[in-house]
């Protein structure tokens, strides 16, 4: 099954522990986490993106869709951290596509926008 969530809020975490997750890069763990939410911050409907240091094999993405719960765990190399942060800071609307059959297809995306639209 595939579900689309509109993302309206996000939280960035850098440090040793985030919400009970060990993120210490020195131990080969996550070096940053971005959590994405809709209008209500809840851990029943969210997307968490974990960023991993170079040389670390990325864990598989994980998704759970059991209404009303929609959760996705995405894993990306640390060098993509700024890509995701830029998308969240500068684009709207943003949607998360969560796929529990093939979590590799979990995505953050914008809708179509006109060519040449940019910051003034």
PDB file of N, CA and C in Angstrom:
ATOM      1  N   UNK A   1       0.843  -1.167   0.000  1.00  0.00           N
ATOM      2  CA  UNK A   1       0.000   0.000   0.000  1.00  0.00           C
ATOM      3  C   UNK A   1       0.892   1.235   0.000  1.00  0.00           C
ATOM      4  N   UNK A   2       0.392   2.294  -0.612  1.00  0.00           N
ATOM      5  CA  UNK A   2       1.122   3.557  -0.660  1.00  0.00           C
ATOM      6  C   UNK A   2       0.232   4.675  -0.128  1.00  0.00           C
ATOM      7  N   UNK A   3       0.792   5.522   0.741  1.00  0.00           N
ATOM      8  CA  UNK A   3       0.062   6.630   1.341  1.00  0.00           C
ATOM      9  C   UNK A   3       0.881   7.896   1.144  1.00  0.00           C
ATOM     10  N   UNK A   4       0.202   9.014   0.903  1.00  0.00           N
ATOM     11  CA  UNK A   4       0.871  10.304   0.774  1.00  0.00           C
ATOM     12  C   UNK A   4       0.482  11.191   1.951  1.00  0.00           C
ATOM     13  N   UNK A   5       1.488  11.743   2.616  1.00  0.00           N
ATOM     14  CA  UNK A   5       1.273  12.657   3.737  1.00  0.00           C
ATOM     15  C   UNK A   5       1.769  14.041   3.359  1.00  0.00           C
ATOM     16  N   UNK A   6       1.021  15.080   3.672  1.00  0.00           N
ATOM     17  CA  UNK A   6       1.537  16.428   3.471  1.00  0.00           C
ATOM     18  C   UNK A   6       2.424  16.774   4.665  1.00  0.00           C
ATOM     19  N   UNK A   7       3.606  17.274   4.382  1.00  0.00           N
ATOM     20  CA  UNK A   7       4.572  17.656   5.413  1.00  0.00           C
ATOM     21  C   UNK A   7       4.456  19.156   5.642  1.00  0.00           C
ATOM     22  N   UNK A   8       4.170  19.554   6.887  1.00  0.00           N
ATOM     23  CA  UNK A   8       4.044  20.978   7.208  1.00  0.00           C
ATOM     24  C   UNK A   8       5.006  21.419   8.309  1.00  0.00           C
ATOM     25  N   UNK A   9       5.655  20.455   8.977  1.00  0.00           N
ATOM     26  CA  UNK A   9       6.597  20.774  10.051  1.00  0.00           C
ATOM     27  C   UNK A   9       7.754  19.786   9.998  1.00  0.00           C
ATOM     28  N   UNK A  10       8.903  20.242  10.473  1.00  0.00           N
ATOM     29  CA  UNK A  10      10.036  19.326  10.580  1.00  0.00           C
ATOM     30  C   UNK A  10      10.903  19.717  11.767  1.00  0.00           C
ATOM     31  N   UNK A  11      11.706  18.759  12.207  1.00  0.00           N
ATOM     32  CA  UNK A  11      12.627  18.967  13.327  1.00  0.00           C
ATOM     33  C   UNK A  11      13.966  18.346  12.938  1.00  0.00           C
ATOM     34  N   UNK A  12      15.035  19.084  13.169  1.00  0.00           N
ATOM     35  CA  UNK A  12      16.388  18.622  12.872  1.00  0.00           C
ATOM     36  C   UNK A  12      17.085  18.314  14.184  1.00  0.00           C
ATOM     37  N   UNK A  13      17.774  17.183  14.232  1.00  0.00           N
ATOM     38  CA  UNK A  13      18.498  16.801  15.445  1.00  0.00           C
ATOM     39  C   UNK A  13      19.926  16.425  15.091  1.00  0.00           C
ATOM     40  N   UNK A  14      20.843  17.041  15.797  1.00  0.00           N
ATOM     41  CA  UNK A  14      22.264  16.719  15.700  1.00  0.00           C
ATOM     42  C   UNK A  14      22.743  16.477  17.123  1.00  0.00           C
ATOM     43  N   UNK A  15      23.562  15.500  17.335  1.00  0.00           N
ATOM     44  CA  UNK A  15      24.041  15.240  18.689  1.00  0.00           C
ATOM     45  C   UNK A  15      24.161  13.761  18.954  1.00  0.00           C
ATOM     46  N   UNK A  16      24.417  13.439  20.194  1.00  0.00           N
ATOM     47  CA  UNK A  16      24.670  12.040  20.533  1.00  0.00           C
ATOM     48  C   UNK A  16      23.402  11.198  20.567  1.00  0.00           C
ATOM     49  N   UNK A  17      22.322  11.708  21.140  1.00  0.00           N
ATOM     50  CA  UNK A  17      21.069  10.941  21.207  1.00  0.00           C
ATOM     51  C   UNK A  17      19.912  11.822  20.774  1.00  0.00           C
ATOM     52  N   UNK A  18      19.008  11.247  20.023  1.00  0.00           N
ATOM     53  CA  UNK A  18      17.815  11.948  19.565  1.00  0.00           C
ATOM     54  C   UNK A  18      16.630  11.045  19.818  1.00  0.00           C
ATOM     55  N   UNK A  19      15.738  11.469  20.694  1.00  0.00           N
ATOM     56  CA  UNK A  19      14.546  10.668  20.972  1.00  0.00           C
ATOM     57  C   UNK A  19      14.863   9.221  21.294  1.00  0.00           C
ATOM     58  N   UNK A  20      15.957   9.001  22.026  1.00  0.00           N
ATOM     59  CA  UNK A  20      16.334   7.645  22.392  1.00  0.00           C
ATOM     60  C   UNK A  20      17.166   6.931  21.341  1.00  0.00           C
ATOM     61  N   UNK A  21      17.353   7.555  20.171  1.00  0.00           N
ATOM     62  CA  UNK A  21      18.176   6.944  19.126  1.00  0.00           C
ATOM     63  C   UNK A  21      19.630   7.327  19.323  1.00  0.00           C
ATOM     64  N   UNK A  22      20.504   6.362  19.276  1.00  0.00           N
ATOM     65  CA  UNK A  22      21.934   6.651  19.310  1.00  0.00           C
ATOM     66  C   UNK A  22      22.316   7.156  17.928  1.00  0.00           C
ATOM     67  N   UNK A  23      22.841   8.388  17.851  1.00  0.00           N
ATOM     68  CA  UNK A  23      23.179   8.910  16.525  1.00  0.00           C
ATOM     69  C   UNK A  23      24.653   9.257  16.407  1.00  0.00           C
ATOM     70  N   UNK A  24      25.480   8.753  17.296  1.00  0.00           N
ATOM     71  CA  UNK A  24      26.900   9.110  17.310  1.00  0.00           C
ATOM     72  C   UNK A  24      27.602   8.592  16.059  1.00  0.00           C
ATOM     73  N   UNK A  25      28.056   9.529  15.221  1.00  0.00           N
ATOM     74  CA  UNK A  25      28.759   9.158  13.995  1.00  0.00           C
ATOM     75  C   UNK A  25      30.054   8.431  14.306  1.00  0.00           C
ATOM     76  N   UNK A  26      30.694   8.761  15.427  1.00  0.00           N
ATOM     77  CA  UNK A  26      31.960   8.120  15.789  1.00  0.00           C
ATOM     78  C   UNK A  26      31.790   6.611  15.945  1.00  0.00           C
ATOM     79  N   UNK A  27      30.608   6.184  16.313  1.00  0.00           N
ATOM     80  CA  UNK A  27      30.347   4.754  16.481  1.00  0.00           C
ATOM     81  C   UNK A  27      29.806   4.132  15.195  1.00  0.00           C
ATOM     82  N   UNK A  28      29.869   4.881  14.086  1.00  0.00           N
ATOM     83  CA  UNK A  28      29.343   4.393  12.818  1.00  0.00           C
ATOM     84  C   UNK A  28      27.844   4.543  12.734  1.00  0.00           C
ATOM     85  N   UNK A  29      27.273   5.326  13.647  1.00  0.00           N
ATOM     86  CA  UNK A  29      25.833   5.519  13.665  1.00  0.00           C
ATOM     87  C   UNK A  29      25.409   6.766  12.922  1.00  0.00           C
ATOM     88  N   UNK A  30      24.146   7.117  13.072  1.00  0.00           N
ATOM     89  CA  UNK A  30      23.590   8.299  12.407  1.00  0.00           C
ATOM     90  C   UNK A  30      24.388   9.538  12.783  1.00  0.00           C
ATOM     91  N   UNK A  31      24.533  10.464  11.847  1.00  0.00           N
ATOM     92  CA  UNK A  31      25.179  11.729  12.178  1.00  0.00           C
ATOM     93  C   UNK A  31      24.169  12.874  12.209  1.00  0.00           C
ATOM     94  N   UNK A  32      22.952  12.642  11.738  1.00  0.00           N
ATOM     95  CA  UNK A  32      21.879  13.645  11.803  1.00  0.00           C
ATOM     96  C   UNK A  32      20.548  12.949  11.551  1.00  0.00           C
ATOM     97  N   UNK A  33      19.476  13.580  12.054  1.00  0.00           N
ATOM     98  CA  UNK A  33      18.124  13.057  11.846  1.00  0.00           C
ATOM     99  C   UNK A  33      17.204  14.230  11.550  1.00  0.00           C
ATOM    100  N   UNK A  34      16.352  14.071  10.540  1.00  0.00           N
ATOM    101  CA  UNK A  34      15.286  15.032  10.269  1.00  0.00           C
ATOM    102  C   UNK A  34      13.973  14.278  10.413  1.00  0.00           C
ATOM    103  N   UNK A  35      13.089  14.801  11.267  1.00  0.00           N
ATOM    104  CA  UNK A  35      11.767  14.211  11.443  1.00  0.00           C
ATOM    105  C   UNK A  35      10.745  15.139  10.804  1.00  0.00           C
ATOM    106  N   UNK A  36       9.858  14.591   9.995  1.00  0.00           N
ATOM    107  CA  UNK A  36       8.861  15.361   9.245  1.00  0.00           C
ATOM    108  C   UNK A  36       7.461  14.979   9.718  1.00  0.00           C
ATOM    109  N   UNK A  37       6.623  16.015   9.882  1.00  0.00           N
ATOM    110  CA  UNK A  37       5.273  15.805  10.406  1.00  0.00           C
ATOM    111  C   UNK A  37       4.262  16.591   9.578  1.00  0.00           C
ATOM    112  N   UNK A  38       3.006  16.230   9.739  1.00  0.00           N
ATOM    113  CA  UNK A  38       1.909  17.019   9.180  1.00  0.00           C
ATOM    114  C   UNK A  38       1.545  18.128  10.150  1.00  0.00           C
ATOM    115  N   UNK A  39       0.305  18.603  10.085  1.00  0.00           N
ATOM    116  CA  UNK A  39      -0.113  19.711  10.941  1.00  0.00           C
ATOM    117  C   UNK A  39      -0.024  19.410  12.439  1.00  0.00           C
ATOM    118  N   UNK A  40      -0.103  18.134  12.809  1.00  0.00           N
ATOM    119  CA  UNK A  40      -0.014  17.730  14.213  1.00  0.00           C
ATOM    120  C   UNK A  40       1.248  16.889  14.378  1.00  0.00           C
ATOM    121  N   UNK A  41       2.098  17.285  15.331  1.00  0.00           N
ATOM    122  CA  UNK A  41       3.309  16.505  15.588  1.00  0.00           C
ATOM    123  C   UNK A  41       2.913  15.257  16.375  1.00  0.00           C
ATOM    124  N   UNK A  42       3.029  14.122  15.704  1.00  0.00           N
ATOM    125  CA  UNK A  42       2.688  12.854  16.329  1.00  0.00           C
ATOM    126  C   UNK A  42       3.588  11.767  15.758  1.00  0.00           C
ATOM    127  N   UNK A  43       3.962  10.826  16.617  1.00  0.00           N
ATOM    128  CA  UNK A  43       4.770   9.712  16.146  1.00  0.00           C
ATOM    129  C   UNK A  43       3.904   8.576  15.614  1.00  0.00           C
ATOM    130  N   UNK A  44       2.630   8.863  15.340  1.00  0.00           N
ATOM    131  CA  UNK A  44       1.776   7.901  14.644  1.00  0.00           C
ATOM    132  C   UNK A  44       1.732   8.207  13.155  1.00  0.00           C
ATOM    133  N   UNK A  45       2.106   9.429  12.767  1.00  0.00           N
ATOM    134  CA  UNK A  45       2.128   9.823  11.348  1.00  0.00           C
ATOM    135  C   UNK A  45       3.346  10.702  11.137  1.00  0.00           C
ATOM    136  N   UNK A  46       4.453  10.103  10.686  1.00  0.00           N
ATOM    137  CA  UNK A  46       5.680  10.869  10.507  1.00  0.00           C
ATOM    138  C   UNK A  46       6.627  10.158   9.543  1.00  0.00           C
ATOM    139  N   UNK A  47       7.632  10.920   9.121  1.00  0.00           N
ATOM    140  CA  UNK A  47       8.729  10.374   8.329  1.00  0.00           C
ATOM    141  C   UNK A  47      10.019  10.795   9.025  1.00  0.00           C
ATOM    142  N   UNK A  48      10.882   9.846   9.296  1.00  0.00           N
ATOM    143  CA  UNK A  48      12.190  10.141   9.880  1.00  0.00           C
ATOM    144  C   UNK A  48      13.257   9.814   8.843  1.00  0.00           C
ATOM    145  N   UNK A  49      14.134  10.776   8.597  1.00  0.00           N
ATOM    146  CA  UNK A  49      15.246  10.576   7.668  1.00  0.00           C
ATOM    147  C   UNK A  49      16.524  10.570   8.488  1.00  0.00           C
ATOM    148  N   UNK A  50      17.244   9.464   8.457  1.00  0.00           N
ATOM    149  CA  UNK A  50      18.520   9.340   9.172  1.00  0.00           C
ATOM    150  C   UNK A  50      19.645   9.442   8.162  1.00  0.00           C
ATOM    151  N   UNK A  51      20.670  10.208   8.538  1.00  0.00           N
ATOM    152  CA  UNK A  51      21.822  10.427   7.658  1.00  0.00           C
ATOM    153  C   UNK A  51      23.033   9.734   8.260  1.00  0.00           C
ATOM    154  N   UNK A  52      23.738   8.988   7.406  1.00  0.00           N
ATOM    155  CA  UNK A  52      24.821   8.112   7.846  1.00  0.00           C
ATOM    156  C   UNK A  52      26.138   8.564   7.244  1.00  0.00           C
ATOM    157  N   UNK A  53      27.228   8.421   7.995  1.00  0.00           N
ATOM    158  CA  UNK A  53      28.531   8.852   7.500  1.00  0.00           C
ATOM    159  C   UNK A  53      29.010   8.007   6.311  1.00  0.00           C
ATOM    160  N   UNK A  54      29.935   8.593   5.557  1.00  0.00           N
ATOM    161  CA  UNK A  54      30.527   7.899   4.409  1.00  0.00           C
ATOM    162  C   UNK A  54      31.143   6.584   4.875  1.00  0.00           C
ATOM    163  N   UNK A  55      30.999   5.575   4.045  1.00  0.00           N
ATOM    164  CA  UNK A  55      31.584   4.280   4.331  1.00  0.00           C
ATOM    165  C   UNK A  55      30.694   3.348   5.136  1.00  0.00           C
ATOM    166  N   UNK A  56      29.562   3.857   5.635  1.00  0.00           N
ATOM    167  CA  UNK A  56      28.636   3.023   6.401  1.00  0.00           C
ATOM    168  C   UNK A  56      27.565   2.498   5.450  1.00  0.00           C
ATOM    169  N   UNK A  57      27.323   1.195   5.498  1.00  0.00           N
ATOM    170  CA  UNK A  57      26.258   0.630   4.680  1.00  0.00           C
ATOM    171  C   UNK A  57      24.914   1.108   5.220  1.00  0.00           C
ATOM    172  N   UNK A  58      24.089   1.670   4.336  1.00  0.00           N
ATOM    173  CA  UNK A  58      22.801   2.206   4.767  1.00  0.00           C
ATOM    174  C   UNK A  58      21.857   1.083   5.169  1.00  0.00           C
ATOM    175  N   UNK A  59      21.201   1.224   6.323  1.00  0.00           N
ATOM    176  CA  UNK A  59      20.175   0.245   6.683  1.00  0.00           C
ATOM    177  C   UNK A  59      19.007   0.348   5.695  1.00  0.00           C
ATOM    178  N   UNK A  60      18.212  -0.676   5.567  1.00  0.00           N
ATOM    179  CA  UNK A  60      17.052  -0.599   4.664  1.00  0.00           C
ATOM    180  C   UNK A  60      16.006   0.373   5.206  1.00  0.00           C
ATOM    181  N   UNK A  61      15.291   1.024   4.292  1.00  0.00           N
ATOM    182  CA  UNK A  61      14.149   1.851   4.688  1.00  0.00           C
ATOM    183  C   UNK A  61      13.073   0.939   5.268  1.00  0.00           C
ATOM    184  N   UNK A  62      12.267   1.494   6.168  1.00  0.00           N
ATOM    185  CA  UNK A  62      11.196   0.733   6.816  1.00  0.00           C
ATOM    186  C   UNK A  62       9.925   1.571   6.776  1.00  0.00           C
ATOM    187  N   UNK A  63       8.794   0.932   6.523  1.00  0.00           N
ATOM    188  CA  UNK A  63       7.502   1.630   6.524  1.00  0.00           C
ATOM    189  C   UNK A  63       6.464   0.798   7.243  1.00  0.00           C
ATOM    190  N   UNK A  64       5.551   1.496   7.931  1.00  0.00           N
ATOM    191  CA  UNK A  64       4.406   0.855   8.576  1.00  0.00           C
ATOM    192  C   UNK A  64       3.175   1.652   8.192  1.00  0.00           C
ATOM    193  N   UNK A  65       2.198   0.980   7.601  1.00  0.00           N
ATOM    194  CA  UNK A  65       0.914   1.600   7.290  1.00  0.00           C
ATOM    195  C   UNK A  65      -0.167   0.697   7.871  1.00  0.00           C
ATOM    196  N   UNK A  66      -0.729   1.132   8.996  1.00  0.00           N
ATOM    197  CA  UNK A  66      -1.825   0.416   9.665  1.00  0.00           C
ATOM    198  C   UNK A  66      -2.740   1.499  10.218  1.00  0.00           C
ATOM    199  N   UNK A  67      -3.693   1.930   9.433  1.00  0.00           N
ATOM    200  CA  UNK A  67      -4.529   3.084   9.746  1.00  0.00           C
ATOM    201  C   UNK A  67      -4.917   3.125  11.217  1.00  0.00           C
ATOM    202  N   UNK A  68      -4.732   4.251  11.889  1.00  0.00           N
ATOM    203  CA  UNK A  68      -4.329   5.569  11.386  1.00  0.00           C
ATOM    204  C   UNK A  68      -2.814   5.774  11.359  1.00  0.00           C
ATOM    205  N   UNK A  69      -2.034   4.720  11.662  1.00  0.00           N
ATOM    206  CA  UNK A  69      -0.576   4.862  11.746  1.00  0.00           C
ATOM    207  C   UNK A  69       0.048   4.830  10.360  1.00  0.00           C
ATOM    208  N   UNK A  70       0.906   5.836  10.093  1.00  0.00           N
ATOM    209  CA  UNK A  70       1.724   5.876   8.877  1.00  0.00           C
ATOM    210  C   UNK A  70       3.102   6.348   9.316  1.00  0.00           C
ATOM    211  N   UNK A  71       4.081   5.442   9.252  1.00  0.00           N
ATOM    212  CA  UNK A  71       5.439   5.759   9.677  1.00  0.00           C
ATOM    213  C   UNK A  71       6.413   5.331   8.588  1.00  0.00           C
ATOM    214  N   UNK A  72       7.434   6.151   8.392  1.00  0.00           N
ATOM    215  CA  UNK A  72       8.477   5.779   7.440  1.00  0.00           C
ATOM    216  C   UNK A  72       9.835   6.151   8.006  1.00  0.00           C
ATOM    217  N   UNK A  73      10.778   5.261   7.829  1.00  0.00           N
ATOM    218  CA  UNK A  73      12.171   5.482   8.203  1.00  0.00           C
ATOM    219  C   UNK A  73      12.973   5.439   6.910  1.00  0.00           C
ATOM    220  N   UNK A  74      13.535   6.584   6.521  1.00  0.00           N
ATOM    221  CA  UNK A  74      14.381   6.665   5.340  1.00  0.00           C
ATOM    222  C   UNK A  74      15.823   6.779   5.791  1.00  0.00           C
ATOM    223  N   UNK A  75      16.733   6.227   5.021  1.00  0.00           N
ATOM    224  CA  UNK A  75      18.159   6.291   5.329  1.00  0.00           C
ATOM    225  C   UNK A  75      18.894   6.842   4.120  1.00  0.00           C
ATOM    226  N   UNK A  76      19.775   7.812   4.378  1.00  0.00           N
ATOM    227  CA  UNK A  76      20.479   8.491   3.285  1.00  0.00           C
ATOM    228  C   UNK A  76      21.915   8.773   3.710  1.00  0.00           C
ATOM    229  N   UNK A  77      22.815   8.902   2.726  1.00  0.00           N
ATOM    230  CA  UNK A  77      24.192   9.276   3.051  1.00  0.00           C
ATOM    231  C   UNK A  77      24.238  10.711   3.591  1.00  0.00           C
ATOM    232  N   UNK A  78      25.174  10.979   4.480  1.00  0.00           N
ATOM    233  CA  UNK A  78      25.292  12.299   5.110  1.00  0.00           C
ATOM    234  C   UNK A  78      25.434  13.419   4.088  1.00  0.00           C
ATOM    235  N   UNK A  79      26.056  13.148   2.951  1.00  0.00           N
ATOM    236  CA  UNK A  79      26.246  14.215   1.963  1.00  0.00           C
ATOM    237  C   UNK A  79      24.917  14.690   1.362  1.00  0.00           C
ATOM    238  N   UNK A  80      23.827  13.944   1.559  1.00  0.00           N
ATOM    239  CA  UNK A  80      22.515  14.380   1.071  1.00  0.00           C
ATOM    240  C   UNK A  80      21.726  15.187   2.103  1.00  0.00           C
ATOM    241  N   UNK A  81      22.290  15.352   3.299  1.00  0.00           N
ATOM    242  CA  UNK A  81      21.610  16.090   4.363  1.00  0.00           C
ATOM    243  C   UNK A  81      21.180  17.478   3.886  1.00  0.00           C
ATOM    244  N   UNK A  82      22.070  18.223   3.255  1.00  0.00           N
ATOM    245  CA  UNK A  82      21.732  19.590   2.821  1.00  0.00           C
ATOM    246  C   UNK A  82      20.658  19.589   1.736  1.00  0.00           C
ATOM    247  N   UNK A  83      20.570  18.543   0.934  1.00  0.00           N
ATOM    248  CA  UNK A  83      19.531  18.466  -0.094  1.00  0.00           C
ATOM    249  C   UNK A  83      18.158  18.430   0.562  1.00  0.00           C
ATOM    250  N   UNK A  84      18.011  17.547   1.554  1.00  0.00           N
ATOM    251  CA  UNK A  84      16.728  17.422   2.236  1.00  0.00           C
ATOM    252  C   UNK A  84      16.383  18.692   3.007  1.00  0.00           C
ATOM    253  N   UNK A  85      17.370  19.251   3.693  1.00  0.00           N
ATOM    254  CA  UNK A  85      17.127  20.458   4.475  1.00  0.00           C
ATOM    255  C   UNK A  85      16.733  21.622   3.566  1.00  0.00           C
ATOM    256  N   UNK A  86      17.390  21.752   2.436  1.00  0.00           N
ATOM    257  CA  UNK A  86      17.046  22.802   1.471  1.00  0.00           C
ATOM    258  C   UNK A  86      15.621  22.627   0.961  1.00  0.00           C
ATOM    259  N   UNK A  87      15.236  21.413   0.650  1.00  0.00           N
ATOM    260  CA  UNK A  87      13.875  21.132   0.188  1.00  0.00           C
ATOM    261  C   UNK A  87      12.855  21.553   1.242  1.00  0.00           C
ATOM    262  N   UNK A  88      13.085  21.166   2.486  1.00  0.00           N
ATOM    263  CA  UNK A  88      12.141  21.485   3.563  1.00  0.00           C
ATOM    264  C   UNK A  88      12.088  22.984   3.867  1.00  0.00           C
ATOM    265  N   UNK A  89      13.209  23.667   3.760  1.00  0.00           N
ATOM    266  CA  UNK A  89      13.249  25.103   4.056  1.00  0.00           C
ATOM    267  C   UNK A  89      12.649  25.956   2.945  1.00  0.00           C
ATOM    268  N   UNK A  90      12.781  25.523   1.700  1.00  0.00           N
ATOM    269  CA  UNK A  90      12.507  26.423   0.582  1.00  0.00           C
ATOM    270  C   UNK A  90      11.338  26.055  -0.311  1.00  0.00           C
ATOM    271  N   UNK A  91      10.763  24.898  -0.136  1.00  0.00           N
ATOM    272  CA  UNK A  91       9.684  24.478  -1.022  1.00  0.00           C
ATOM    273  C   UNK A  91       8.385  24.253  -0.250  1.00  0.00           C
ATOM    274  N   UNK A  92       7.290  24.435  -0.932  1.00  0.00           N
ATOM    275  CA  UNK A  92       5.964  24.142  -0.371  1.00  0.00           C
ATOM    276  C   UNK A  92       4.993  24.014  -1.535  1.00  0.00           C
ATOM    277  N   UNK A  93       4.051  23.145  -1.470  1.00  0.00           N
ATOM    278  CA  UNK A  93       3.894  22.116  -0.445  1.00  0.00           C
ATOM    279  C   UNK A  93       4.862  20.958  -0.668  1.00  0.00           C
ATOM    280  N   UNK A  94       5.107  20.229   0.399  1.00  0.00           N
ATOM    281  CA  UNK A  94       5.955  19.038   0.345  1.00  0.00           C
ATOM    282  C   UNK A  94       5.123  17.843   0.818  1.00  0.00           C
ATOM    283  N   UNK A  95       5.324  16.742   0.126  1.00  0.00           N
ATOM    284  CA  UNK A  95       4.603  15.513   0.454  1.00  0.00           C
ATOM    285  C   UNK A  95       5.593  14.382   0.687  1.00  0.00           C
ATOM    286  N   UNK A  96       5.234  13.478   1.570  1.00  0.00           N
ATOM    287  CA  UNK A  96       5.985  12.247   1.763  1.00  0.00           C
ATOM    288  C   UNK A  96       5.157  11.116   1.183  1.00  0.00           C
ATOM    289  N   UNK A  97       5.796  10.330   0.352  1.00  0.00           N
ATOM    290  CA  UNK A  97       5.157   9.129  -0.193  1.00  0.00           C
ATOM    291  C   UNK A  97       5.714   7.952   0.602  1.00  0.00           C
ATOM    292  N   UNK A  98       4.821   7.229   1.270  1.00  0.00           N
ATOM    293  CA  UNK A  98       5.210   6.109   2.127  1.00  0.00           C
ATOM    294  C   UNK A  98       4.658   4.831   1.511  1.00  0.00           C
ATOM    295  N   UNK A  99       5.544   3.876   1.271  1.00  0.00           N
ATOM    296  CA  UNK A  99       5.171   2.621   0.624  1.00  0.00           C
ATOM    297  C   UNK A  99       5.601   1.473   1.522  1.00  0.00           C
ATOM    298  N   UNK A 100       4.649   0.723   2.060  1.00  0.00           N
ATOM    299  CA  UNK A 100       5.009  -0.371   2.957  1.00  0.00           C
ATOM    300  C   UNK A 100       5.313  -1.680   2.230  1.00  0.00           C
ATOM    301  N   UNK A 101       5.006  -1.754   0.954  1.00  0.00           N
ATOM    302  CA  UNK A 101       5.335  -2.940   0.165  1.00  0.00           C
ATOM    303  C   UNK A 101       6.780  -2.862  -0.319  1.00  0.00           C
ATOM    304  N   UNK A 102       7.196  -1.668  -0.763  1.00  0.00           N
ATOM    305  CA  UNK A 102       8.562  -1.452  -1.238  1.00  0.00           C
ATOM    306  C   UNK A 102       9.092  -0.154  -0.627  1.00  0.00           C
ATOM    307  N   UNK A 103       9.586  -0.190   0.617  1.00  0.00           N
ATOM    308  CA  UNK A 103      10.039   1.016   1.298  1.00  0.00           C
ATOM    309  C   UNK A 103      11.174   1.768   0.589  1.00  0.00           C
ATOM    310  N   UNK A 104      11.860   1.113  -0.375  1.00  0.00           N
ATOM    311  CA  UNK A 104      12.874   1.834  -1.151  1.00  0.00           C
ATOM    312  C   UNK A 104      12.246   2.984  -1.931  1.00  0.00           C
ATOM    313  N   UNK A 105      10.929   2.930  -2.144  1.00  0.00           N
ATOM    314  CA  UNK A 105      10.232   3.979  -2.889  1.00  0.00           C
ATOM    315  C   UNK A 105       9.780   5.140  -1.999  1.00  0.00           C
ATOM    316  N   UNK A 106      10.032   5.079  -0.693  1.00  0.00           N
ATOM    317  CA  UNK A 106       9.684   6.195   0.186  1.00  0.00           C
ATOM    318  C   UNK A 106      10.399   7.451  -0.302  1.00  0.00           C
ATOM    319  N   UNK A 107       9.657   8.550  -0.367  1.00  0.00           N
ATOM    320  CA  UNK A 107      10.175   9.764  -1.005  1.00  0.00           C
ATOM    321  C   UNK A 107       9.615  11.010  -0.352  1.00  0.00           C
ATOM    322  N   UNK A 108      10.386  12.091  -0.389  1.00  0.00           N
ATOM    323  CA  UNK A 108       9.870  13.445  -0.146  1.00  0.00           C
ATOM    324  C   UNK A 108       9.821  14.117  -1.499  1.00  0.00           C
ATOM    325  N   UNK A 109       8.743  14.853  -1.781  1.00  0.00           N
ATOM    326  CA  UNK A 109       8.591  15.461  -3.101  1.00  0.00           C
ATOM    327  C   UNK A 109       7.746  16.722  -3.024  1.00  0.00           C
ATOM    328  N   UNK A 110       7.909  17.565  -4.018  1.00  0.00           N
ATOM    329  CA  UNK A 110       7.051  18.735  -4.171  1.00  0.00           C
ATOM    330  C   UNK A 110       6.009  18.415  -5.228  1.00  0.00           C
ATOM    331  N   UNK A 111       5.060  19.315  -5.390  1.00  0.00           N
ATOM    332  CA  UNK A 111       4.129  19.204  -6.502  1.00  0.00           C
ATOM    333  C   UNK A 111       4.747  19.918  -7.695  1.00  0.00           C
ATOM    334  N   UNK A 112       4.104  19.871  -8.825  1.00  0.00           N
ATOM    335  CA  UNK A 112       4.598  20.587 -10.003  1.00  0.00           C
ATOM    336  C   UNK A 112       4.571  22.083  -9.743  1.00  0.00           C
ATOM    337  N   UNK A 113       5.583  22.780 -10.270  1.00  0.00           N
ATOM    338  CA  UNK A 113       5.599  24.238 -10.171  1.00  0.00           C
ATOM    339  C   UNK A 113       6.127  24.807 -11.478  1.00  0.00           C
ATOM    340  N   UNK A 114       5.795  26.051 -11.756  1.00  0.00           N
ATOM    341  CA  UNK A 114       6.206  26.631 -13.033  1.00  0.00           C
ATOM    342  C   UNK A 114       7.733  26.754 -13.158  1.00  0.00           C
ATOM    343  N   UNK A 115       8.209  26.581 -14.377  1.00  0.00           N
ATOM    344  CA  UNK A 115       9.634  26.788 -14.662  1.00  0.00           C
ATOM    345  C   UNK A 115       9.965  28.244 -14.393  1.00  0.00           C
ATOM    346  N   UNK A 116      11.139  28.487 -13.802  1.00  0.00           N
ATOM    347  CA  UNK A 116      11.581  29.854 -13.563  1.00  0.00           C
ATOM    348  C   UNK A 116      11.075  30.437 -12.263  1.00  0.00           C
ATOM    349  N   UNK A 117      10.229  29.697 -11.542  1.00  0.00           N
ATOM    350  CA  UNK A 117       9.798  30.208 -10.238  1.00  0.00           C
ATOM    351  C   UNK A 117      11.005  30.175  -9.317  1.00  0.00           C
ATOM    352  N   UNK A 118      11.280  31.266  -8.700  1.00  0.00           N
ATOM    353  CA  UNK A 118      12.454  31.305  -7.840  1.00  0.00           C
ATOM    354  C   UNK A 118      12.350  32.417  -6.831  1.00  0.00           C
ATOM    355  N   UNK A 119      13.382  32.533  -6.025  1.00  0.00           N
ATOM    356  CA  UNK A 119      13.423  33.565  -5.010  1.00  0.00           C
ATOM    357  C   UNK A 119      13.740  34.897  -5.661  1.00  0.00           C
ATOM    358  N   UNK A 120      13.117  35.964  -5.180  1.00  0.00           N
ATOM    359  CA  UNK A 120      13.385  37.313  -5.688  1.00  0.00           C
ATOM    360  C   UNK A 120      14.373  38.011  -4.807  1.00  0.00           C
TER     361      UNK A 120
END
